[in-house]
Amino acid sequence: MLYLPTSLLTGLVPSLARLRDYPWTGHATLMGRRPREWQDTDTILARFGRRPTVARQRYAAFLQDGLARWRRPDLVGGGRIRSAGGGNRGSPTSGS
């Protein structure tokens, strides 16, 4: 399962690189930039490697890949936009 921070998806934070220093998400803590005693980073990072440096690199790559998949053109304009006939016409999933 992939969780992409809302602040990144909405454009509040323009990039994954800038998210490392953004104080209002747990990402900065996972990346070792903003220590918080109450946030458990070991459980997440352990899924990506034994050494924190390697785990953080793999975690960042995992997020980058997920972000690229989230921005697929065939998924743009969902919900009310597509229902009203807008969105990405002519894509493989649009039926035209």
Protein backbone atom coordinates (compact mmCIF):
# COMPACT_ATOMS: atom_id res chain seq x y z
CA MET A 1 0.00 0.00 0.00
CA LEU A 2 1.25 3.44 -0.90
CA TYR A 3 0.36 6.60 0.94
CA LEU A 4 1.23 9.85 -0.78
CA PRO A 5 0.98 12.89 1.49
CA THR A 6 -1.96 15.15 0.63
CA SER A 7 0.29 18.20 0.81
CA LEU A 8 2.25 16.78 -2.13
CA LEU A 9 -0.77 15.68 -4.15
CA THR A 10 -2.55 19.02 -3.82
CA GLY A 11 0.52 21.05 -4.79
CA LEU A 12 0.94 22.63 -1.37
CA VAL A 13 4.45 21.19 -1.48
CA PRO A 14 5.73 21.23 -5.08
CA SER A 15 8.01 18.19 -5.05
CA LEU A 16 9.14 15.13 -3.18
CA ALA A 17 12.51 16.81 -2.60
CA ARG A 18 10.82 19.78 -0.90
CA LEU A 19 8.62 17.44 1.15
CA ARG A 20 11.75 16.25 3.02
CA ASP A 21 11.87 19.59 4.83
CA TYR A 22 8.15 20.32 5.09
CA PRO A 23 7.38 20.40 8.83
CA TRP A 24 3.72 19.37 8.73
CA THR A 25 4.05 15.77 7.54
CA GLY A 26 5.75 12.68 8.89
CA HIS A 27 7.84 12.43 5.73
CA ALA A 28 10.50 14.81 7.09
CA THR A 29 10.86 12.54 10.10
CA LEU A 30 11.05 9.38 8.00
CA MET A 31 13.79 11.01 5.95
CA GLY A 32 15.76 11.90 9.10
CA ARG A 33 15.37 15.66 8.69
CA ARG A 34 13.00 16.44 11.57
CA PRO A 35 13.36 14.13 14.58
CA ARG A 36 10.20 13.47 16.56
CA GLU A 37 10.42 11.13 19.53
CA TRP A 38 6.77 10.15 19.24
CA GLN A 39 6.91 9.11 15.58
CA ASP A 40 7.88 5.51 14.90
CA THR A 41 10.06 5.48 11.80
CA ASP A 42 11.71 2.11 12.38
CA THR A 43 8.62 0.11 11.42
CA ILE A 44 8.29 1.81 8.02
CA LEU A 45 11.98 2.03 7.21
CA ALA A 46 12.55 -1.64 8.13
CA ARG A 47 10.41 -2.57 5.13
CA PHE A 48 12.95 -0.89 2.84
CA GLY A 49 16.26 -1.98 4.30
CA ARG A 50 18.32 -2.68 7.41
CA ARG A 51 20.48 0.43 7.27
CA PRO A 52 18.62 3.74 7.68
CA THR A 53 20.45 5.43 4.80
CA VAL A 54 19.62 2.65 2.34
CA ALA A 55 16.07 2.35 3.66
CA ARG A 56 15.46 6.08 3.19
CA GLN A 57 16.77 5.95 -0.38
CA ARG A 58 14.52 3.00 -1.21
CA TYR A 59 11.55 4.63 0.53
CA ALA A 60 12.05 7.82 -1.48
CA ALA A 61 12.28 5.80 -4.71
CA PHE A 62 9.08 3.95 -3.76
CA LEU A 63 7.27 7.26 -3.26
CA GLN A 64 8.66 8.68 -6.51
CA ASP A 65 7.40 5.64 -8.41
CA GLY A 66 4.01 5.90 -6.74
CA LEU A 67 3.80 9.59 -7.57
CA ALA A 68 4.53 8.85 -11.23
CA ARG A 69 1.77 6.23 -11.29
CA TRP A 70 -0.65 8.58 -9.52
CA ARG A 71 -0.16 11.23 -12.22
CA ARG A 72 -1.22 8.93 -15.06
CA PRO A 73 -3.02 10.89 -17.81
CA ASP A 74 -5.78 8.27 -18.02
CA LEU A 75 -6.71 9.00 -14.39
CA VAL A 76 -6.99 12.78 -14.76
CA GLY A 77 -10.40 14.42 -14.43
CA GLY A 78 -12.31 11.82 -12.48
CA GLY A 79 -15.65 12.10 -10.72
CA ARG A 80 -17.84 15.03 -11.68
CA ILE A 81 -15.52 16.16 -14.48
CA ARG A 82 -15.83 12.86 -16.34
CA SER A 83 -19.53 12.58 -15.57
CA ALA A 84 -20.04 15.94 -17.27
CA GLY A 85 -18.18 14.72 -20.36
CA GLY A 86 -14.82 16.35 -19.58
CA GLY A 87 -11.51 14.85 -18.68
CA ASN A 88 -9.12 12.91 -20.85
CA ARG A 89 -10.99 12.00 -24.03
CA GLY A 90 -9.38 9.54 -26.36
CA SER A 91 -7.40 7.68 -23.72
CA PRO A 92 -7.39 3.89 -23.77
CA THR A 93 -9.86 3.85 -20.86
CA SER A 94 -12.28 6.49 -22.17
CA GLY A 95 -13.86 4.28 -24.82
CA SER A 96 -13.26 6.70 -27.70
